[in-house]
Amino acid sequence: MGVLHRQRWCGATGLMVPLLTLASPGFLKIAGVAPSWAVLWLLPWALVDGPASGAIAGLCLGLVLDGLHLGLASEVPVLMLLGWWWGRIGRRGVPIERSYNLGLLAVLGSLLLGASLLLQLYWAGQLPLVEAGLHTLVAQSLLTGLLAPVLCSLVLLRWRRIADLRG
């Protein structure tokens, strides 16, 4: 594991995810659909802190977000998988420095998260309108991919600087 989990205020920034999920600014929505704030926070965390910390952060974030909504669909498995996958990319691959790469990873993560939720609702027989689900999936992925180069790159640079100073 890396050093971010030892910095209390770095972990405390994860508390912004449920807050932004509940009260997402209106100007950051497309047709009423907000970006996937969990993906936007988890991506830089896992890239800097590694696969184990990314999976644990995905678990914690998923449990908090699952507590915010009713239903049978859970975000935990996909967020854990994304945290682990992005952590492996951050540890084993070439350091991600281009904003385009962050946007692409965020789009893939948002698509996986949304598709997982839609499949869980479909298997439970609770998916009323497939068109609405696909609209939400596409709008959320597009918006997350557009915000990731700006937000994730700033957070990633800050957290890498902290990890270099502390590590």
C-alpha atoms as a PDB file:
ATOM      1  CA  MET A   1       0.000   0.000   0.000  1.00  0.00           C
ATOM      2  CA  GLY A   2       1.075   3.559  -0.592  1.00  0.00           C
ATOM      3  CA  VAL A   3       1.159   6.528   1.709  1.00  0.00           C
ATOM      4  CA  LEU A   4      -2.122   8.295   0.964  1.00  0.00           C
ATOM      5  CA  HIS A   5      -4.129   6.124   3.344  1.00  0.00           C
ATOM      6  CA  ARG A   6      -1.869   7.330   6.183  1.00  0.00           C
ATOM      7  CA  GLN A   7      -2.762  10.956   5.476  1.00  0.00           C
ATOM      8  CA  ARG A   8      -6.081  11.565   7.209  1.00  0.00           C
ATOM      9  CA  TRP A   9      -7.138  14.514   5.116  1.00  0.00           C
ATOM     10  CA  CYS A  10      -6.445  12.609   1.874  1.00  0.00           C
ATOM     11  CA  GLY A  11      -8.826   9.879   2.966  1.00  0.00           C
ATOM     12  CA  ALA A  12     -11.276  12.477   4.215  1.00  0.00           C
ATOM     13  CA  THR A  13     -11.588  13.835   0.681  1.00  0.00           C
ATOM     14  CA  GLY A  14     -13.496  10.630  -0.053  1.00  0.00           C
ATOM     15  CA  LEU A  15     -16.306  12.052   2.072  1.00  0.00           C
ATOM     16  CA  MET A  16     -16.890  14.578  -0.695  1.00  0.00           C
ATOM     17  CA  VAL A  17     -18.092  11.781  -2.995  1.00  0.00           C
ATOM     18  CA  PRO A  18     -21.398  11.075  -1.198  1.00  0.00           C
ATOM     19  CA  LEU A  19     -21.906  14.804  -0.691  1.00  0.00           C
ATOM     20  CA  LEU A  20     -21.415  15.519  -4.399  1.00  0.00           C
ATOM     21  CA  THR A  21     -23.556  12.519  -5.300  1.00  0.00           C
ATOM     22  CA  LEU A  22     -26.437  13.934  -3.278  1.00  0.00           C
ATOM     23  CA  ALA A  23     -25.944  17.593  -4.151  1.00  0.00           C
ATOM     24  CA  SER A  24     -24.292  17.637  -7.558  1.00  0.00           C
ATOM     25  CA  PRO A  25     -24.208  21.134  -9.060  1.00  0.00           C
ATOM     26  CA  GLY A  26     -26.794  21.654 -11.774  1.00  0.00           C
ATOM     27  CA  PHE A  27     -24.315  23.052 -14.269  1.00  0.00           C
ATOM     28  CA  LEU A  28     -22.371  19.758 -14.104  1.00  0.00           C
ATOM     29  CA  LYS A  29     -25.289  17.657 -15.314  1.00  0.00           C
ATOM     30  CA  ILE A  30     -26.393  16.506 -18.750  1.00  0.00           C
ATOM     31  CA  ALA A  31     -30.175  16.109 -18.942  1.00  0.00           C
ATOM     32  CA  GLY A  32     -30.321  15.675 -15.171  1.00  0.00           C
ATOM     33  CA  VAL A  33     -27.566  13.039 -15.030  1.00  0.00           C
ATOM     34  CA  ALA A  34     -24.539  13.812 -12.861  1.00  0.00           C
ATOM     35  CA  PRO A  35     -21.030  12.432 -13.411  1.00  0.00           C
ATOM     36  CA  SER A  36     -19.805   9.392 -11.529  1.00  0.00           C
ATOM     37  CA  TRP A  37     -18.100  11.109  -8.612  1.00  0.00           C
ATOM     38  CA  ALA A  38     -16.932   7.765  -7.234  1.00  0.00           C
ATOM     39  CA  VAL A  39     -14.967   7.075 -10.416  1.00  0.00           C
ATOM     40  CA  LEU A  40     -13.522  10.598 -10.449  1.00  0.00           C
ATOM     41  CA  TRP A  41     -12.215  10.185  -6.880  1.00  0.00           C
ATOM     42  CA  LEU A  42     -11.151   6.535  -7.029  1.00  0.00           C
ATOM     43  CA  LEU A  43      -9.091   6.857 -10.222  1.00  0.00           C
ATOM     44  CA  PRO A  44      -6.330   9.146  -8.876  1.00  0.00           C
ATOM     45  CA  TRP A  45      -6.407   7.461  -5.449  1.00  0.00           C
ATOM     46  CA  ALA A  46      -5.753   4.010  -6.889  1.00  0.00           C
ATOM     47  CA  LEU A  47      -3.145   5.238  -9.376  1.00  0.00           C
ATOM     48  CA  VAL A  48      -1.106   6.785  -6.560  1.00  0.00           C
ATOM     49  CA  ASP A  49      -1.717   4.404  -3.653  1.00  0.00           C
ATOM     50  CA  GLY A  50      -1.724   1.008  -5.356  1.00  0.00           C
ATOM     51  CA  PRO A  51      -4.040  -1.959  -5.904  1.00  0.00           C
ATOM     52  CA  ALA A  52      -4.685  -3.005  -2.294  1.00  0.00           C
ATOM     53  CA  SER A  53      -5.506   0.509  -1.158  1.00  0.00           C
ATOM     54  CA  GLY A  54      -7.567   1.075  -4.318  1.00  0.00           C
ATOM     55  CA  ALA A  55      -9.652  -2.040  -3.668  1.00  0.00           C
ATOM     56  CA  ILE A  56     -10.196  -1.094  -0.015  1.00  0.00           C
ATOM     57  CA  ALA A  57     -11.113   2.468  -1.000  1.00  0.00           C
ATOM     58  CA  GLY A  58     -13.527   1.054  -3.593  1.00  0.00           C
ATOM     59  CA  LEU A  59     -15.092  -1.156  -0.918  1.00  0.00           C
ATOM     60  CA  CYS A  60     -15.537   1.721   1.535  1.00  0.00           C
ATOM     61  CA  LEU A  61     -16.821   4.091  -1.121  1.00  0.00           C
ATOM     62  CA  GLY A  62     -19.209   1.469  -2.478  1.00  0.00           C
ATOM     63  CA  LEU A  63     -20.625   0.708   0.970  1.00  0.00           C
ATOM     64  CA  VAL A  64     -21.258   4.394   1.657  1.00  0.00           C
ATOM     65  CA  LEU A  65     -22.867   4.949  -1.751  1.00  0.00           C
ATOM     66  CA  ASP A  66     -24.975   1.790  -1.433  1.00  0.00           C
ATOM     67  CA  GLY A  67     -26.309   3.173   1.829  1.00  0.00           C
ATOM     68  CA  LEU A  68     -27.543   6.266   0.004  1.00  0.00           C
ATOM     69  CA  HIS A  69     -29.935   4.482  -2.342  1.00  0.00           C
ATOM     70  CA  LEU A  70     -32.492   1.757  -2.025  1.00  0.00           C
ATOM     71  CA  GLY A  71     -32.536  -1.244  -4.253  1.00  0.00           C
ATOM     72  CA  LEU A  72     -30.781  -4.474  -4.965  1.00  0.00           C
ATOM     73  CA  ALA A  73     -27.988  -3.098  -7.151  1.00  0.00           C
ATOM     74  CA  SER A  74     -24.622  -2.603  -5.482  1.00  0.00           C
ATOM     75  CA  GLU A  75     -21.644  -0.525  -6.563  1.00  0.00           C
ATOM     76  CA  VAL A  76     -19.202  -2.395  -4.306  1.00  0.00           C
ATOM     77  CA  PRO A  77     -17.951  -5.150  -6.662  1.00  0.00           C
ATOM     78  CA  VAL A  78     -17.220  -2.845  -9.578  1.00  0.00           C
ATOM     79  CA  LEU A  79     -15.617  -0.129  -7.457  1.00  0.00           C
ATOM     80  CA  MET A  80     -13.367  -2.729  -5.816  1.00  0.00           C
ATOM     81  CA  LEU A  81     -12.431  -4.141  -9.215  1.00  0.00           C
ATOM     82  CA  LEU A  82     -11.738  -0.678 -10.638  1.00  0.00           C
ATOM     83  CA  GLY A  83      -9.650   0.303  -7.607  1.00  0.00           C
ATOM     84  CA  TRP A  84      -7.583  -2.863  -7.917  1.00  0.00           C
ATOM     85  CA  TRP A  85      -7.197  -2.536 -11.711  1.00  0.00           C
ATOM     86  CA  TRP A  86      -6.234   1.147 -11.638  1.00  0.00           C
ATOM     87  CA  GLY A  87      -3.855   0.470  -8.745  1.00  0.00           C
ATOM     88  CA  ARG A  88      -2.086  -2.199 -10.805  1.00  0.00           C
ATOM     89  CA  ILE A  89      -1.836   0.222 -13.718  1.00  0.00           C
ATOM     90  CA  GLY A  90      -0.332   2.836 -11.410  1.00  0.00           C
ATOM     91  CA  ARG A  91       2.181   0.408  -9.905  1.00  0.00           C
ATOM     92  CA  ARG A  92       3.212  -1.703 -12.879  1.00  0.00           C
ATOM     93  CA  GLY A  93       2.699   0.460 -15.915  1.00  0.00           C
ATOM     94  CA  VAL A  94       4.205   3.646 -17.194  1.00  0.00           C
ATOM     95  CA  PRO A  95       3.126   6.595 -15.001  1.00  0.00           C
ATOM     96  CA  ILE A  96      -0.044   8.105 -16.428  1.00  0.00           C
ATOM     97  CA  GLU A  97       0.618  11.744 -17.148  1.00  0.00           C
ATOM     98  CA  ARG A  98      -1.598  12.590 -20.099  1.00  0.00           C
ATOM     99  CA  SER A  99      -5.063  13.937 -19.486  1.00  0.00           C
ATOM    100  CA  TYR A 100      -6.399  11.899 -22.397  1.00  0.00           C
ATOM    101  CA  ASN A 101      -5.456   8.664 -20.618  1.00  0.00           C
ATOM    102  CA  LEU A 102      -7.234   9.766 -17.447  1.00  0.00           C
ATOM    103  CA  GLY A 103     -10.343  10.595 -19.453  1.00  0.00           C
ATOM    104  CA  LEU A 104     -10.274   7.224 -21.192  1.00  0.00           C
ATOM    105  CA  LEU A 105      -9.844   5.332 -17.905  1.00  0.00           C
ATOM    106  CA  ALA A 106     -12.679   7.353 -16.367  1.00  0.00           C
ATOM    107  CA  VAL A 107     -14.998   6.614 -19.306  1.00  0.00           C
ATOM    108  CA  LEU A 108     -14.215   2.892 -19.081  1.00  0.00           C
ATOM    109  CA  GLY A 109     -14.748   2.921 -15.318  1.00  0.00           C
ATOM    110  CA  SER A 110     -18.015   4.799 -15.587  1.00  0.00           C
ATOM    111  CA  LEU A 111     -19.254   2.461 -18.335  1.00  0.00           C
ATOM    112  CA  LEU A 112     -18.370  -0.597 -16.241  1.00  0.00           C
ATOM    113  CA  LEU A 113     -20.045   0.852 -13.154  1.00  0.00           C
ATOM    114  CA  GLY A 114     -23.220   1.852 -14.984  1.00  0.00           C
ATOM    115  CA  ALA A 115     -23.431  -1.396 -16.945  1.00  0.00           C
ATOM    116  CA  SER A 116     -22.992  -3.385 -13.745  1.00  0.00           C
ATOM    117  CA  LEU A 117     -25.841  -1.517 -12.073  1.00  0.00           C
ATOM    118  CA  LEU A 118     -28.077  -1.985 -15.132  1.00  0.00           C
ATOM    119  CA  LEU A 119     -27.312  -5.717 -15.294  1.00  0.00           C
ATOM    120  CA  GLN A 120     -28.018  -6.156 -11.595  1.00  0.00           C
ATOM    121  CA  LEU A 121     -31.351  -4.363 -11.957  1.00  0.00           C
ATOM    122  CA  TYR A 122     -32.175  -6.405 -15.061  1.00  0.00           C
ATOM    123  CA  TRP A 123     -31.434  -9.713 -13.319  1.00  0.00           C
ATOM    124  CA  ALA A 124     -33.553  -8.651 -10.352  1.00  0.00           C
ATOM    125  CA  GLY A 125     -36.415  -7.732 -12.698  1.00  0.00           C
ATOM    126  CA  GLN A 126     -36.409  -4.094 -11.548  1.00  0.00           C
ATOM    127  CA  LEU A 127     -35.282  -2.377 -14.747  1.00  0.00           C
ATOM    128  CA  PRO A 128     -38.456  -0.588 -15.888  1.00  0.00           C
ATOM    129  CA  LEU A 129     -37.163   1.270 -18.957  1.00  0.00           C
ATOM    130  CA  VAL A 130     -34.120   0.074 -20.845  1.00  0.00           C
ATOM    131  CA  GLU A 131     -33.945   3.347 -22.803  1.00  0.00           C
ATOM    132  CA  ALA A 132     -33.732   5.406 -19.614  1.00  0.00           C
ATOM    133  CA  GLY A 133     -30.991   3.168 -18.281  1.00  0.00           C
ATOM    134  CA  LEU A 134     -28.980   3.464 -21.479  1.00  0.00           C
ATOM    135  CA  HIS A 135     -29.498   7.244 -21.527  1.00  0.00           C
ATOM    136  CA  THR A 136     -28.175   7.473 -17.977  1.00  0.00           C
ATOM    137  CA  LEU A 137     -25.233   5.203 -18.798  1.00  0.00           C
ATOM    138  CA  VAL A 138     -24.170   7.204 -21.848  1.00  0.00           C
ATOM    139  CA  ALA A 139     -24.707  10.641 -20.277  1.00  0.00           C
ATOM    140  CA  GLN A 140     -22.871   9.731 -17.073  1.00  0.00           C
ATOM    141  CA  SER A 141     -19.943   8.175 -18.940  1.00  0.00           C
ATOM    142  CA  LEU A 142     -19.642  11.143 -21.282  1.00  0.00           C
ATOM    143  CA  LEU A 143     -19.713  13.674 -18.473  1.00  0.00           C
ATOM    144  CA  THR A 144     -17.284  11.677 -16.331  1.00  0.00           C
ATOM    145  CA  GLY A 145     -14.893  11.387 -19.261  1.00  0.00           C
ATOM    146  CA  LEU A 146     -15.066  15.127 -19.910  1.00  0.00           C
ATOM    147  CA  LEU A 147     -14.437  16.083 -16.278  1.00  0.00           C
ATOM    148  CA  ALA A 148     -11.694  13.523 -15.602  1.00  0.00           C
ATOM    149  CA  PRO A 149      -8.865  15.271 -17.484  1.00  0.00           C
ATOM    150  CA  VAL A 150      -9.407  18.415 -15.446  1.00  0.00           C
ATOM    151  CA  LEU A 151     -10.313  17.101 -11.998  1.00  0.00           C
ATOM    152  CA  CYS A 152      -8.350  13.852 -11.896  1.00  0.00           C
ATOM    153  CA  SER A 153      -5.153  15.391 -13.239  1.00  0.00           C
ATOM    154  CA  LEU A 154      -5.176  18.084 -10.543  1.00  0.00           C
ATOM    155  CA  VAL A 155      -5.850  15.591  -7.768  1.00  0.00           C
ATOM    156  CA  LEU A 156      -3.349  13.118  -9.218  1.00  0.00           C
ATOM    157  CA  LEU A 157      -0.569  15.726  -9.309  1.00  0.00           C
ATOM    158  CA  ARG A 158      -1.298  16.814  -5.740  1.00  0.00           C
ATOM    159  CA  TRP A 159      -1.429  13.276  -4.361  1.00  0.00           C
ATOM    160  CA  ARG A 160       1.731  12.239  -6.233  1.00  0.00           C
ATOM    161  CA  ARG A 161       3.544  15.192  -4.704  1.00  0.00           C
ATOM    162  CA  ILE A 162       2.344  14.158  -1.242  1.00  0.00           C
ATOM    163  CA  ALA A 163       3.366  10.538  -1.867  1.00  0.00           C
ATOM    164  CA  ASP A 164       6.835  11.640  -3.011  1.00  0.00           C
ATOM    165  CA  LEU A 165       7.303  13.852   0.042  1.00  0.00           C
ATOM    166  CA  ARG A 166       6.046  11.250   2.530  1.00  0.00           C
ATOM    167  CA  GLY A 167       7.374   8.137   0.827  1.00  0.00           C
END
